[in-house]
Amino acid sequence: MVHIQRAVTSPEPELERELFTEQVLSAHTWQEFEDRGYPPEAAFDELVRRREDVLKFFGRVGPLGENSPQVLMRAVGDNIIRLRLTGLAKEDLAWTFMDMSFEGGNWRLRWFGPS
C-alpha cells in the first residue's frame, strides 16, 4: 500500500510509471490490460486519475490494515487476498476492497473494486 500511495501522489508521476508497472502491478492485471488493448502503464495512469479514491480507501484501512476491526482479509483465489472494508468504514467510497496477488515472493496489486 505504501508503494501505491507514494506512486500516485508523486509530484512527478511520469517517473513512477515504469517502476509501478514493473514492481507493483500483478502479472494477472498486466495481462488483462494487454488483452483489452491497453498498455500495462494505463493501470498506473488510471490510479493517478483516481488518486482520491485510492487515498480515501487507504485512509479508511488505516495503519493497522488487516488488524483493524472494520477490515476483513480473505483468500479469493490462488495466491490472491482481498482486503475489504466493512460497516461504516466503507460508506461513501468508490472502492471498498483491494485485491493483492502473491507473486515471486512479493505482494502485487491485483486491483481495487466496489462493494
PDB file of N, CA and C in Angstrom:
ATOM      1  N   MET A   1       0.825  -1.184   0.000  1.00  0.00           N
ATOM      2  CA  MET A   1       0.000   0.000   0.000  1.00  0.00           C
ATOM      3  C   MET A   1       0.871   1.250   0.000  1.00  0.00           C
ATOM      4  N   VAL A   2       1.965   1.212   0.711  1.00  0.00           N
ATOM      5  CA  VAL A   2       2.853   2.367   0.772  1.00  0.00           C
ATOM      6  C   VAL A   2       3.394   2.688  -0.618  1.00  0.00           C
ATOM      7  N   HIS A   3       3.784   1.674  -1.360  1.00  0.00           N
ATOM      8  CA  HIS A   3       4.330   1.893  -2.705  1.00  0.00           C
ATOM      9  C   HIS A   3       3.279   2.493  -3.642  1.00  0.00           C
ATOM     10  N   ILE A   4       2.058   2.019  -3.527  1.00  0.00           N
ATOM     11  CA  ILE A   4       0.976   2.549  -4.362  1.00  0.00           C
ATOM     12  C   ILE A   4       0.726   4.005  -3.998  1.00  0.00           C
ATOM     13  N   GLN A   5       0.635   4.289  -2.715  1.00  0.00           N
ATOM     14  CA  GLN A   5       0.369   5.648  -2.263  1.00  0.00           C
ATOM     15  C   GLN A   5       1.469   6.603  -2.721  1.00  0.00           C
ATOM     16  N   ARG A   6       2.710   6.207  -2.556  1.00  0.00           N
ATOM     17  CA  ARG A   6       3.828   7.062  -2.993  1.00  0.00           C
ATOM     18  C   ARG A   6       3.783   7.304  -4.494  1.00  0.00           C
ATOM     19  N   ALA A   7       3.479   6.264  -5.242  1.00  0.00           N
ATOM     20  CA  ALA A   7       3.463   6.396  -6.700  1.00  0.00           C
ATOM     21  C   ALA A   7       2.385   7.360  -7.174  1.00  0.00           C
ATOM     22  N   VAL A   8       1.166   7.221  -6.635  1.00  0.00           N
ATOM     23  CA  VAL A   8       0.060   8.056  -7.137  1.00  0.00           C
ATOM     24  C   VAL A   8       0.110   9.482  -6.606  1.00  0.00           C
ATOM     25  N   THR A   9       0.891   9.731  -5.554  1.00  0.00           N
ATOM     26  CA  THR A   9       0.992  11.090  -5.027  1.00  0.00           C
ATOM     27  C   THR A   9       2.299  11.775  -5.409  1.00  0.00           C
ATOM     28  N   SER A  10       3.108  11.121  -6.190  1.00  0.00           N
ATOM     29  CA  SER A  10       4.388  11.692  -6.602  1.00  0.00           C
ATOM     30  C   SER A  10       4.180  12.994  -7.376  1.00  0.00           C
ATOM     31  N   PRO A  11       5.004  14.003  -7.109  1.00  0.00           N
ATOM     32  CA  PRO A  11       4.897  15.238  -7.880  1.00  0.00           C
ATOM     33  C   PRO A  11       5.329  15.037  -9.337  1.00  0.00           C
ATOM     34  N   GLU A  12       6.021  13.945  -9.596  1.00  0.00           N
ATOM     35  CA  GLU A  12       6.449  13.617 -10.959  1.00  0.00           C
ATOM     36  C   GLU A  12       6.004  12.191 -11.289  1.00  0.00           C
ATOM     37  N   PRO A  13       4.691  11.996 -11.519  1.00  0.00           N
ATOM     38  CA  PRO A  13       4.177  10.636 -11.734  1.00  0.00           C
ATOM     39  C   PRO A  13       4.801   9.919 -12.926  1.00  0.00           C
ATOM     40  N   GLU A  14       5.254  10.670 -13.921  1.00  0.00           N
ATOM     41  CA  GLU A  14       5.857  10.011 -15.089  1.00  0.00           C
ATOM     42  C   GLU A  14       7.119   9.229 -14.705  1.00  0.00           C
ATOM     43  N   LEU A  15       7.765   9.644 -13.616  1.00  0.00           N
ATOM     44  CA  LEU A  15       8.945   8.923 -13.147  1.00  0.00           C
ATOM     45  C   LEU A  15       8.569   7.636 -12.414  1.00  0.00           C
ATOM     46  N   GLU A  16       7.347   7.545 -11.939  1.00  0.00           N
ATOM     47  CA  GLU A  16       6.875   6.386 -11.188  1.00  0.00           C
ATOM     48  C   GLU A  16       6.241   5.315 -12.071  1.00  0.00           C
ATOM     49  N   ARG A  17       5.798   5.694 -13.248  1.00  0.00           N
ATOM     50  CA  ARG A  17       5.009   4.811 -14.117  1.00  0.00           C
ATOM     51  C   ARG A  17       5.700   3.464 -14.386  1.00  0.00           C
ATOM     52  N   GLU A  18       6.941   3.496 -14.819  1.00  0.00           N
ATOM     53  CA  GLU A  18       7.633   2.244 -15.146  1.00  0.00           C
ATOM     54  C   GLU A  18       7.884   1.399 -13.902  1.00  0.00           C
ATOM     55  N   LEU A  19       8.330   2.034 -12.831  1.00  0.00           N
ATOM     56  CA  LEU A  19       8.586   1.310 -11.583  1.00  0.00           C
ATOM     57  C   LEU A  19       7.311   0.645 -11.072  1.00  0.00           C
ATOM     58  N   PHE A  20       6.203   1.396 -11.080  1.00  0.00           N
ATOM     59  CA  PHE A  20       4.918   0.853 -10.650  1.00  0.00           C
ATOM     60  C   PHE A  20       4.528  -0.348 -11.510  1.00  0.00           C
ATOM     61  N   THR A  21       4.612  -0.182 -12.812  1.00  0.00           N
ATOM     62  CA  THR A  21       4.192  -1.236 -13.739  1.00  0.00           C
ATOM     63  C   THR A  21       5.042  -2.493 -13.569  1.00  0.00           C
ATOM     64  N   GLU A  22       6.321  -2.315 -13.381  1.00  0.00           N
ATOM     65  CA  GLU A  22       7.237  -3.454 -13.270  1.00  0.00           C
ATOM     66  C   GLU A  22       7.223  -4.121 -11.895  1.00  0.00           C
ATOM     67  N   GLN A  23       7.055  -3.333 -10.826  1.00  0.00           N
ATOM     68  CA  GLN A  23       7.266  -3.874  -9.487  1.00  0.00           C
ATOM     69  C   GLN A  23       6.030  -3.943  -8.596  1.00  0.00           C
ATOM     70  N   VAL A  24       4.967  -3.221  -8.932  1.00  0.00           N
ATOM     71  CA  VAL A  24       3.787  -3.186  -8.069  1.00  0.00           C
ATOM     72  C   VAL A  24       2.594  -3.898  -8.706  1.00  0.00           C
ATOM     73  N   LEU A  25       2.403  -3.724  -9.987  1.00  0.00           N
ATOM     74  CA  LEU A  25       1.252  -4.295 -10.683  1.00  0.00           C
ATOM     75  C   LEU A  25       1.405  -5.807 -10.842  1.00  0.00           C
ATOM     76  N   SER A  26       0.346  -6.553 -10.556  1.00  0.00           N
ATOM     77  CA  SER A  26       0.411  -8.011 -10.679  1.00  0.00           C
ATOM     78  C   SER A  26       0.476  -8.434 -12.146  1.00  0.00           C
ATOM     79  N   ALA A  27       1.044  -9.587 -12.377  1.00  0.00           N
ATOM     80  CA  ALA A  27       1.150 -10.121 -13.733  1.00  0.00           C
ATOM     81  C   ALA A  27      -0.234 -10.346 -14.340  1.00  0.00           C
ATOM     82  N   HIS A  28      -1.172 -10.768 -13.512  1.00  0.00           N
ATOM     83  CA  HIS A  28      -2.531 -11.022 -13.998  1.00  0.00           C
ATOM     84  C   HIS A  28      -3.184  -9.736 -14.498  1.00  0.00           C
ATOM     85  N   THR A  29      -3.050  -8.665 -13.728  1.00  0.00           N
ATOM     86  CA  THR A  29      -3.628  -7.380 -14.119  1.00  0.00           C
ATOM     87  C   THR A  29      -2.909  -6.828 -15.341  1.00  0.00           C
ATOM     88  N   TRP A  30      -1.602  -6.979 -15.374  1.00  0.00           N
ATOM     89  CA  TRP A  30      -0.797  -6.578 -16.537  1.00  0.00           C
ATOM     90  C   TRP A  30      -1.383  -7.237 -17.790  1.00  0.00           C
ATOM     91  N   GLN A  31      -1.603  -8.551 -17.706  1.00  0.00           N
ATOM     92  CA  GLN A  31      -2.122  -9.309 -18.848  1.00  0.00           C
ATOM     93  C   GLN A  31      -3.538  -8.863 -19.218  1.00  0.00           C
ATOM     94  N   GLU A  32      -4.373  -8.588 -18.236  1.00  0.00           N
ATOM     95  CA  GLU A  32      -5.732  -8.116 -18.521  1.00  0.00           C
ATOM     96  C   GLU A  32      -5.717  -6.807 -19.306  1.00  0.00           C
ATOM     97  N   PHE A  33      -4.843  -5.895 -18.916  1.00  0.00           N
ATOM     98  CA  PHE A  33      -4.753  -4.629 -19.655  1.00  0.00           C
ATOM     99  C   PHE A  33      -4.319  -4.901 -21.095  1.00  0.00           C
ATOM    100  N   GLU A  34      -3.310  -5.736 -21.271  1.00  0.00           N
ATOM    101  CA  GLU A  34      -2.851  -6.056 -22.631  1.00  0.00           C
ATOM    102  C   GLU A  34      -3.942  -6.746 -23.441  1.00  0.00           C
ATOM    103  N   ASP A  35      -4.674  -7.673 -22.822  1.00  0.00           N
ATOM    104  CA  ASP A  35      -5.752  -8.380 -23.522  1.00  0.00           C
ATOM    105  C   ASP A  35      -6.846  -7.430 -24.000  1.00  0.00           C
ATOM    106  N   ARG A  36      -7.024  -6.333 -23.294  1.00  0.00           N
ATOM    107  CA  ARG A  36      -8.047  -5.347 -23.660  1.00  0.00           C
ATOM    108  C   ARG A  36      -7.506  -4.272 -24.593  1.00  0.00           C
ATOM    109  N   GLY A  37      -6.254  -4.425 -25.004  1.00  0.00           N
ATOM    110  CA  GLY A  37      -5.666  -3.489 -25.952  1.00  0.00           C
ATOM    111  C   GLY A  37      -5.048  -2.251 -25.324  1.00  0.00           C
ATOM    112  N   TYR A  38      -4.785  -2.304 -24.017  1.00  0.00           N
ATOM    113  CA  TYR A  38      -4.173  -1.177 -23.324  1.00  0.00           C
ATOM    114  C   TYR A  38      -2.772  -1.559 -22.872  1.00  0.00           C
ATOM    115  N   PRO A  39      -1.856  -0.620 -22.875  1.00  0.00           N
ATOM    116  CA  PRO A  39      -0.541  -0.922 -22.300  1.00  0.00           C
ATOM    117  C   PRO A  39      -0.689  -1.039 -20.781  1.00  0.00           C
ATOM    118  N   PRO A  40       0.107  -1.865 -20.136  1.00  0.00           N
ATOM    119  CA  PRO A  40       0.005  -2.017 -18.679  1.00  0.00           C
ATOM    120  C   PRO A  40       0.199  -0.699 -17.931  1.00  0.00           C
ATOM    121  N   GLU A  41       0.933   0.224 -18.513  1.00  0.00           N
ATOM    122  CA  GLU A  41       1.139   1.527 -17.881  1.00  0.00           C
ATOM    123  C   GLU A  41      -0.178   2.286 -17.708  1.00  0.00           C
ATOM    124  N   ALA A  42      -1.187   1.927 -18.486  1.00  0.00           N
ATOM    125  CA  ALA A  42      -2.503   2.564 -18.361  1.00  0.00           C
ATOM    126  C   ALA A  42      -3.108   2.279 -16.985  1.00  0.00           C
ATOM    127  N   ALA A  43      -2.715   1.186 -16.344  1.00  0.00           N
ATOM    128  CA  ALA A  43      -3.190   0.895 -14.989  1.00  0.00           C
ATOM    129  C   ALA A  43      -2.696   1.980 -14.034  1.00  0.00           C
ATOM    130  N   PHE A  44      -1.447   2.347 -14.170  1.00  0.00           N
ATOM    131  CA  PHE A  44      -0.897   3.416 -13.339  1.00  0.00           C
ATOM    132  C   PHE A  44      -1.620   4.732 -13.612  1.00  0.00           C
ATOM    133  N   ASP A  45      -1.805   5.044 -14.880  1.00  0.00           N
ATOM    134  CA  ASP A  45      -2.488   6.288 -15.248  1.00  0.00           C
ATOM    135  C   ASP A  45      -3.891   6.343 -14.653  1.00  0.00           C
ATOM    136  N   GLU A  46      -4.586   5.201 -14.639  1.00  0.00           N
ATOM    137  CA  GLU A  46      -5.935   5.154 -14.075  1.00  0.00           C
ATOM    138  C   GLU A  46      -5.905   5.387 -12.566  1.00  0.00           C
ATOM    139  N   LEU A  47      -4.930   4.830 -11.889  1.00  0.00           N
ATOM    140  CA  LEU A  47      -4.842   5.052 -10.442  1.00  0.00           C
ATOM    141  C   LEU A  47      -4.479   6.500 -10.126  1.00  0.00           C
ATOM    142  N   VAL A  48      -3.636   7.113 -10.939  1.00  0.00           N
ATOM    143  CA  VAL A  48      -3.321   8.529 -10.740  1.00  0.00           C
ATOM    144  C   VAL A  48      -4.585   9.358 -10.961  1.00  0.00           C
ATOM    145  N   ARG A  49      -5.342   9.023 -11.986  1.00  0.00           N
ATOM    146  CA  ARG A  49      -6.596   9.730 -12.266  1.00  0.00           C
ATOM    147  C   ARG A  49      -7.579   9.580 -11.096  1.00  0.00           C
ATOM    148  N   ARG A  50      -7.571   8.406 -10.471  1.00  0.00           N
ATOM    149  CA  ARG A  50      -8.494   8.118  -9.361  1.00  0.00           C
ATOM    150  C   ARG A  50      -7.776   8.184  -8.013  1.00  0.00           C
ATOM    151  N   ARG A  51      -6.784   9.017  -7.956  1.00  0.00           N
ATOM    152  CA  ARG A  51      -5.951   9.180  -6.756  1.00  0.00           C
ATOM    153  C   ARG A  51      -6.792   9.362  -5.489  1.00  0.00           C
ATOM    154  N   GLU A  52      -7.812  10.191  -5.562  1.00  0.00           N
ATOM    155  CA  GLU A  52      -8.627  10.451  -4.372  1.00  0.00           C
ATOM    156  C   GLU A  52      -9.328   9.184  -3.879  1.00  0.00           C
ATOM    157  N   ASP A  53      -9.790   8.336  -4.801  1.00  0.00           N
ATOM    158  CA  ASP A  53     -10.414   7.070  -4.407  1.00  0.00           C
ATOM    159  C   ASP A  53      -9.407   6.164  -3.707  1.00  0.00           C
ATOM    160  N   VAL A  54      -8.186   6.114  -4.244  1.00  0.00           N
ATOM    161  CA  VAL A  54      -7.129   5.296  -3.646  1.00  0.00           C
ATOM    162  C   VAL A  54      -6.804   5.800  -2.240  1.00  0.00           C
ATOM    163  N   LEU A  55      -6.607   7.109  -2.117  1.00  0.00           N
ATOM    164  CA  LEU A  55      -6.214   7.674  -0.825  1.00  0.00           C
ATOM    165  C   LEU A  55      -7.321   7.560   0.219  1.00  0.00           C
ATOM    166  N   LYS A  56      -8.569   7.716  -0.190  1.00  0.00           N
ATOM    167  CA  LYS A  56      -9.682   7.536   0.753  1.00  0.00           C
ATOM    168  C   LYS A  56      -9.730   6.094   1.251  1.00  0.00           C
ATOM    169  N   PHE A  57      -9.556   5.139   0.335  1.00  0.00           N
ATOM    170  CA  PHE A  57      -9.544   3.730   0.725  1.00  0.00           C
ATOM    171  C   PHE A  57      -8.422   3.468   1.732  1.00  0.00           C
ATOM    172  N   PHE A  58      -7.212   3.901   1.411  1.00  0.00           N
ATOM    173  CA  PHE A  58      -6.082   3.681   2.309  1.00  0.00           C
ATOM    174  C   PHE A  58      -6.295   4.380   3.655  1.00  0.00           C
ATOM    175  N   GLY A  59      -6.892   5.556   3.621  1.00  0.00           N
ATOM    176  CA  GLY A  59      -7.171   6.276   4.861  1.00  0.00           C
ATOM    177  C   GLY A  59      -8.118   5.515   5.767  1.00  0.00           C
ATOM    178  N   ARG A  60      -9.082   4.836   5.180  1.00  0.00           N
ATOM    179  CA  ARG A  60     -10.044   4.057   5.975  1.00  0.00           C
ATOM    180  C   ARG A  60      -9.438   2.741   6.458  1.00  0.00           C
ATOM    181  N   VAL A  61      -8.561   2.154   5.658  1.00  0.00           N
ATOM    182  CA  VAL A  61      -7.896   0.921   6.100  1.00  0.00           C
ATOM    183  C   VAL A  61      -7.026   1.241   7.305  1.00  0.00           C
ATOM    184  N   GLY A  62      -6.360   2.370   7.258  1.00  0.00           N
ATOM    185  CA  GLY A  62      -5.554   2.830   8.382  1.00  0.00           C
ATOM    186  C   GLY A  62      -4.247   2.089   8.535  1.00  0.00           C
ATOM    187  N   PRO A  63      -3.458   2.498   9.492  1.00  0.00           N
ATOM    188  CA  PRO A  63      -2.129   1.921   9.670  1.00  0.00           C
ATOM    189  C   PRO A  63      -2.146   0.475  10.176  1.00  0.00           C
ATOM    190  N   LEU A  64      -3.251   0.045  10.758  1.00  0.00           N
ATOM    191  CA  LEU A  64      -3.310  -1.326  11.272  1.00  0.00           C
ATOM    192  C   LEU A  64      -3.716  -2.333  10.201  1.00  0.00           C
ATOM    193  N   GLY A  65      -4.215  -1.847   9.083  1.00  0.00           N
ATOM    194  CA  GLY A  65      -4.578  -2.729   7.981  1.00  0.00           C
ATOM    195  C   GLY A  65      -5.458  -3.871   8.396  1.00  0.00           C
ATOM    196  N   GLU A  66      -4.973  -5.077   8.185  1.00  0.00           N
ATOM    197  CA  GLU A  66      -5.775  -6.269   8.465  1.00  0.00           C
ATOM    198  C   GLU A  66      -6.107  -6.447   9.940  1.00  0.00           C
ATOM    199  N   ASN A  67      -5.454  -5.716  10.817  1.00  0.00           N
ATOM    200  CA  ASN A  67      -5.750  -5.812  12.247  1.00  0.00           C
ATOM    201  C   ASN A  67      -6.846  -4.856  12.696  1.00  0.00           C
ATOM    202  N   SER A  68      -7.352  -4.042  11.791  1.00  0.00           N
ATOM    203  CA  SER A  68      -8.431  -3.122  12.117  1.00  0.00           C
ATOM    204  C   SER A  68      -9.746  -3.894  12.165  1.00  0.00           C
ATOM    205  N   PRO A  69     -10.638  -3.558  13.104  1.00  0.00           N
ATOM    206  CA  PRO A  69     -11.899  -4.297  13.214  1.00  0.00           C
ATOM    207  C   PRO A  69     -12.833  -4.111  12.017  1.00  0.00           C
ATOM    208  N   GLN A  70     -12.636  -3.067  11.221  1.00  0.00           N
ATOM    209  CA  GLN A  70     -13.509  -2.834  10.069  1.00  0.00           C
ATOM    210  C   GLN A  70     -12.875  -3.275   8.756  1.00  0.00           C
ATOM    211  N   VAL A  71     -11.807  -4.054   8.847  1.00  0.00           N
ATOM    212  CA  VAL A  71     -11.128  -4.556   7.655  1.00  0.00           C
ATOM    213  C   VAL A  71     -11.097  -6.080   7.714  1.00  0.00           C
ATOM    214  N   LEU A  72     -11.586  -6.702   6.668  1.00  0.00           N
ATOM    215  CA  LEU A  72     -11.544  -8.162   6.571  1.00  0.00           C
ATOM    216  C   LEU A  72     -10.536  -8.565   5.510  1.00  0.00           C
ATOM    217  N   MET A  73      -9.836  -9.643   5.784  1.00  0.00           N
ATOM    218  CA  MET A  73      -8.891 -10.189   4.822  1.00  0.00           C
ATOM    219  C   MET A  73      -9.273 -11.627   4.558  1.00  0.00           C
ATOM    220  N   ARG A  74      -9.390 -11.984   3.265  1.00  0.00           N
ATOM    221  CA  ARG A  74      -9.691 -13.390   2.961  1.00  0.00           C
ATOM    222  C   ARG A  74      -9.151 -13.750   1.583  1.00  0.00           C
ATOM    223  N   ALA A  75      -8.895 -15.027   1.408  1.00  0.00           N
ATOM    224  CA  ALA A  75      -8.432 -15.523   0.113  1.00  0.00           C
ATOM    225  C   ALA A  75      -9.600 -15.539  -0.864  1.00  0.00           C
ATOM    226  N   VAL A  76      -9.351 -15.083  -2.080  1.00  0.00           N
ATOM    227  CA  VAL A  76     -10.383 -15.090  -3.119  1.00  0.00           C
ATOM    228  C   VAL A  76      -9.912 -15.829  -4.367  1.00  0.00           C
ATOM    229  N   GLY A  77      -8.773 -16.475  -4.281  1.00  0.00           N
ATOM    230  CA  GLY A  77      -8.224 -17.251  -5.386  1.00  0.00           C
ATOM    231  C   GLY A  77      -6.839 -17.733  -5.010  1.00  0.00           C
ATOM    232  N   ASP A  78      -6.220 -18.440  -5.934  1.00  0.00           N
ATOM    233  CA  ASP A  78      -4.863 -18.918  -5.691  1.00  0.00           C
ATOM    234  C   ASP A  78      -3.915 -17.739  -5.516  1.00  0.00           C
ATOM    235  N   ASN A  79      -3.342 -17.629  -4.327  1.00  0.00           N
ATOM    236  CA  ASN A  79      -2.397 -16.562  -4.003  1.00  0.00           C
ATOM    237  C   ASN A  79      -2.976 -15.163  -4.145  1.00  0.00           C
ATOM    238  N   ILE A  80      -4.304 -15.027  -4.026  1.00  0.00           N
ATOM    239  CA  ILE A  80      -4.941 -13.712  -4.090  1.00  0.00           C
ATOM    240  C   ILE A  80      -5.696 -13.476  -2.788  1.00  0.00           C
ATOM    241  N   ILE A  81      -5.396 -12.342  -2.164  1.00  0.00           N
ATOM    242  CA  ILE A  81      -6.025 -11.942  -0.907  1.00  0.00           C
ATOM    243  C   ILE A  81      -6.825 -10.666  -1.163  1.00  0.00           C
ATOM    244  N   ARG A  82      -8.020 -10.607  -0.577  1.00  0.00           N
ATOM    245  CA  ARG A  82      -8.851  -9.402  -0.661  1.00  0.00           C
ATOM    246  C   ARG A  82      -8.864  -8.710   0.692  1.00  0.00           C
ATOM    247  N   LEU A  83      -8.545  -7.431   0.684  1.00  0.00           N
ATOM    248  CA  LEU A  83      -8.623  -6.573   1.849  1.00  0.00           C
ATOM    249  C   LEU A  83      -9.887  -5.744   1.665  1.00  0.00           C
ATOM    250  N   ARG A  84     -10.933  -6.012   2.484  1.00  0.00           N
ATOM    251  CA  ARG A  84     -12.246  -5.386   2.297  1.00  0.00           C
ATOM    252  C   ARG A  84     -12.638  -4.576   3.522  1.00  0.00           C
ATOM    253  N   LEU A  85     -13.118  -3.362   3.256  1.00  0.00           N
ATOM    254  CA  LEU A  85     -13.662  -2.525   4.322  1.00  0.00           C
ATOM    255  C   LEU A  85     -15.103  -2.937   4.580  1.00  0.00           C
ATOM    256  N   THR A  86     -15.518  -2.873   5.842  1.00  0.00           N
ATOM    257  CA  THR A  86     -16.877  -3.246   6.215  1.00  0.00           C
ATOM    258  C   THR A  86     -17.513  -2.136   7.036  1.00  0.00           C
ATOM    259  N   GLY A  87     -18.802  -2.270   7.294  1.00  0.00           N
ATOM    260  CA  GLY A  87     -19.519  -1.354   8.168  1.00  0.00           C
ATOM    261  C   GLY A  87     -19.400   0.096   7.744  1.00  0.00           C
ATOM    262  N   LEU A  88     -19.282   0.970   8.729  1.00  0.00           N
ATOM    263  CA  LEU A  88     -19.202   2.404   8.461  1.00  0.00           C
ATOM    264  C   LEU A  88     -17.951   2.787   7.684  1.00  0.00           C
ATOM    265  N   ALA A  89     -16.910   1.991   7.776  1.00  0.00           N
ATOM    266  CA  ALA A  89     -15.656   2.308   7.084  1.00  0.00           C
ATOM    267  C   ALA A  89     -15.817   2.342   5.573  1.00  0.00           C
ATOM    268  N   LYS A  90     -16.791   1.623   5.039  1.00  0.00           N
ATOM    269  CA  LYS A  90     -16.945   1.573   3.584  1.00  0.00           C
ATOM    270  C   LYS A  90     -17.914   2.620   3.025  1.00  0.00           C
ATOM    271  N   GLU A  91     -18.593   3.340   3.892  1.00  0.00           N
ATOM    272  CA  GLU A  91     -19.576   4.320   3.432  1.00  0.00           C
ATOM    273  C   GLU A  91     -18.932   5.420   2.592  1.00  0.00           C
ATOM    274  N   ASP A  92     -19.609   5.776   1.519  1.00  0.00           N
ATOM    275  CA  ASP A  92     -19.204   6.881   0.640  1.00  0.00           C
ATOM    276  C   ASP A  92     -17.891   6.652  -0.091  1.00  0.00           C
ATOM    277  N   LEU A  93     -17.480   5.404  -0.261  1.00  0.00           N
ATOM    278  CA  LEU A  93     -16.254   5.111  -1.006  1.00  0.00           C
ATOM    279  C   LEU A  93     -16.588   4.508  -2.356  1.00  0.00           C
ATOM    280  N   ALA A  94     -15.840   4.888  -3.368  1.00  0.00           N
ATOM    281  CA  ALA A  94     -15.988   4.283  -4.694  1.00  0.00           C
ATOM    282  C   ALA A  94     -15.419   2.865  -4.677  1.00  0.00           C
ATOM    283  N   TRP A  95     -14.323   2.680  -3.948  1.00  0.00           N
ATOM    284  CA  TRP A  95     -13.673   1.377  -3.853  1.00  0.00           C
ATOM    285  C   TRP A  95     -13.688   0.929  -2.398  1.00  0.00           C
ATOM    286  N   THR A  96     -14.162  -0.289  -2.165  1.00  0.00           N
ATOM    287  CA  THR A  96     -14.229  -0.799  -0.799  1.00  0.00           C
ATOM    288  C   THR A  96     -13.345  -2.023  -0.587  1.00  0.00           C
ATOM    289  N   PHE A  97     -12.673  -2.478  -1.635  1.00  0.00           N
ATOM    290  CA  PHE A  97     -11.719  -3.573  -1.453  1.00  0.00           C
ATOM    291  C   PHE A  97     -10.534  -3.427  -2.391  1.00  0.00           C
ATOM    292  N   MET A  98      -9.465  -4.119  -2.010  1.00  0.00           N
ATOM    293  CA  MET A  98      -8.252  -4.182  -2.820  1.00  0.00           C
ATOM    294  C   MET A  98      -7.806  -5.634  -2.845  1.00  0.00           C
ATOM    295  N   ASP A  99      -7.541  -6.140  -4.034  1.00  0.00           N
ATOM    296  CA  ASP A  99      -7.020  -7.495  -4.172  1.00  0.00           C
ATOM    297  C   ASP A  99      -5.517  -7.424  -4.392  1.00  0.00           C
ATOM    298  N   MET A 100      -4.815  -8.352  -3.722  1.00  0.00           N
ATOM    299  CA  MET A 100      -3.371  -8.444  -3.835  1.00  0.00           C
ATOM    300  C   MET A 100      -3.001  -9.867  -4.231  1.00  0.00           C
ATOM    301  N   SER A 101      -2.012  -9.977  -5.072  1.00  0.00           N
ATOM    302  CA  SER A 101      -1.554 -11.276  -5.554  1.00  0.00           C
ATOM    303  C   SER A 101      -0.127 -11.502  -5.063  1.00  0.00           C
ATOM    304  N   PHE A 102       0.130 -12.707  -4.539  1.00  0.00           N
ATOM    305  CA  PHE A 102       1.478 -13.034  -4.068  1.00  0.00           C
ATOM    306  C   PHE A 102       2.240 -13.659  -5.232  1.00  0.00           C
ATOM    307  N   GLU A 103       3.230 -12.924  -5.733  1.00  0.00           N
ATOM    308  CA  GLU A 103       3.994 -13.353  -6.916  1.00  0.00           C
ATOM    309  C   GLU A 103       5.492 -13.189  -6.659  1.00  0.00           C
ATOM    310  N   GLY A 104       6.223 -14.248  -6.886  1.00  0.00           N
ATOM    311  CA  GLY A 104       7.677 -14.172  -6.761  1.00  0.00           C
ATOM    312  C   GLY A 104       8.153 -13.692  -5.405  1.00  0.00           C
ATOM    313  N   GLY A 105       7.425 -14.048  -4.356  1.00  0.00           N
ATOM    314  CA  GLY A 105       7.825 -13.675  -3.005  1.00  0.00           C
ATOM    315  C   GLY A 105       7.398 -12.280  -2.574  1.00  0.00           C
ATOM    316  N   ASN A 106       6.598 -11.599  -3.407  1.00  0.00           N
ATOM    317  CA  ASN A 106       6.149 -10.240  -3.093  1.00  0.00           C
ATOM    318  C   ASN A 106       4.653 -10.096  -3.334  1.00  0.00           C
ATOM    319  N   TRP A 107       4.043  -9.178  -2.584  1.00  0.00           N
ATOM    320  CA  TRP A 107       2.641  -8.840  -2.819  1.00  0.00           C
ATOM    321  C   TRP A 107       2.570  -7.816  -3.932  1.00  0.00           C
ATOM    322  N   ARG A 108       1.679  -8.059  -4.895  1.00  0.00           N
ATOM    323  CA  ARG A 108       1.484  -7.152  -6.032  1.00  0.00           C
ATOM    324  C   ARG A 108       0.015  -6.737  -6.079  1.00  0.00           C
ATOM    325  N   LEU A 109      -0.233  -5.572  -6.636  1.00  0.00           N
ATOM    326  CA  LEU A 109      -1.596  -5.082  -6.749  1.00  0.00           C
ATOM    327  C   LEU A 109      -2.342  -5.818  -7.846  1.00  0.00           C
ATOM    328  N   ARG A 110      -3.452  -6.438  -7.466  1.00  0.00           N
ATOM    329  CA  ARG A 110      -4.368  -7.047  -8.439  1.00  0.00           C
ATOM    330  C   ARG A 110      -5.294  -5.961  -8.951  1.00  0.00           C
ATOM    331  N   TRP A 111      -6.055  -5.319  -8.058  1.00  0.00           N
ATOM    332  CA  TRP A 111      -6.844  -4.135  -8.385  1.00  0.00           C
ATOM    333  C   TRP A 111      -7.785  -3.790  -7.242  1.00  0.00           C
ATOM    334  N   PHE A 112      -8.491  -2.691  -7.409  1.00  0.00           N
ATOM    335  CA  PHE A 112      -9.475  -2.213  -6.444  1.00  0.00           C
ATOM    336  C   PHE A 112     -10.873  -2.498  -6.975  1.00  0.00           C
ATOM    337  N   GLY A 113     -11.874  -2.497  -6.082  1.00  0.00           N
ATOM    338  CA  GLY A 113     -13.237  -2.729  -6.533  1.00  0.00           C
ATOM    339  C   GLY A 113     -14.269  -2.147  -5.591  1.00  0.00           C
ATOM    340  N   PRO A 114     -15.508  -2.044  -6.080  1.00  0.00           N
ATOM    341  CA  PRO A 114     -16.616  -1.529  -5.269  1.00  0.00           C
ATOM    342  C   PRO A 114     -17.205  -2.623  -4.383  1.00  0.00           C
ATOM    343  N   SER A 115     -18.182  -2.261  -3.583  1.00  0.00           N
ATOM    344  CA  SER A 115     -18.840  -3.238  -2.684  1.00  0.00           C
ATOM    345  C   SER A 115     -19.278  -4.487  -3.413  1.00  0.00           C
TER     346      SER A 115
END
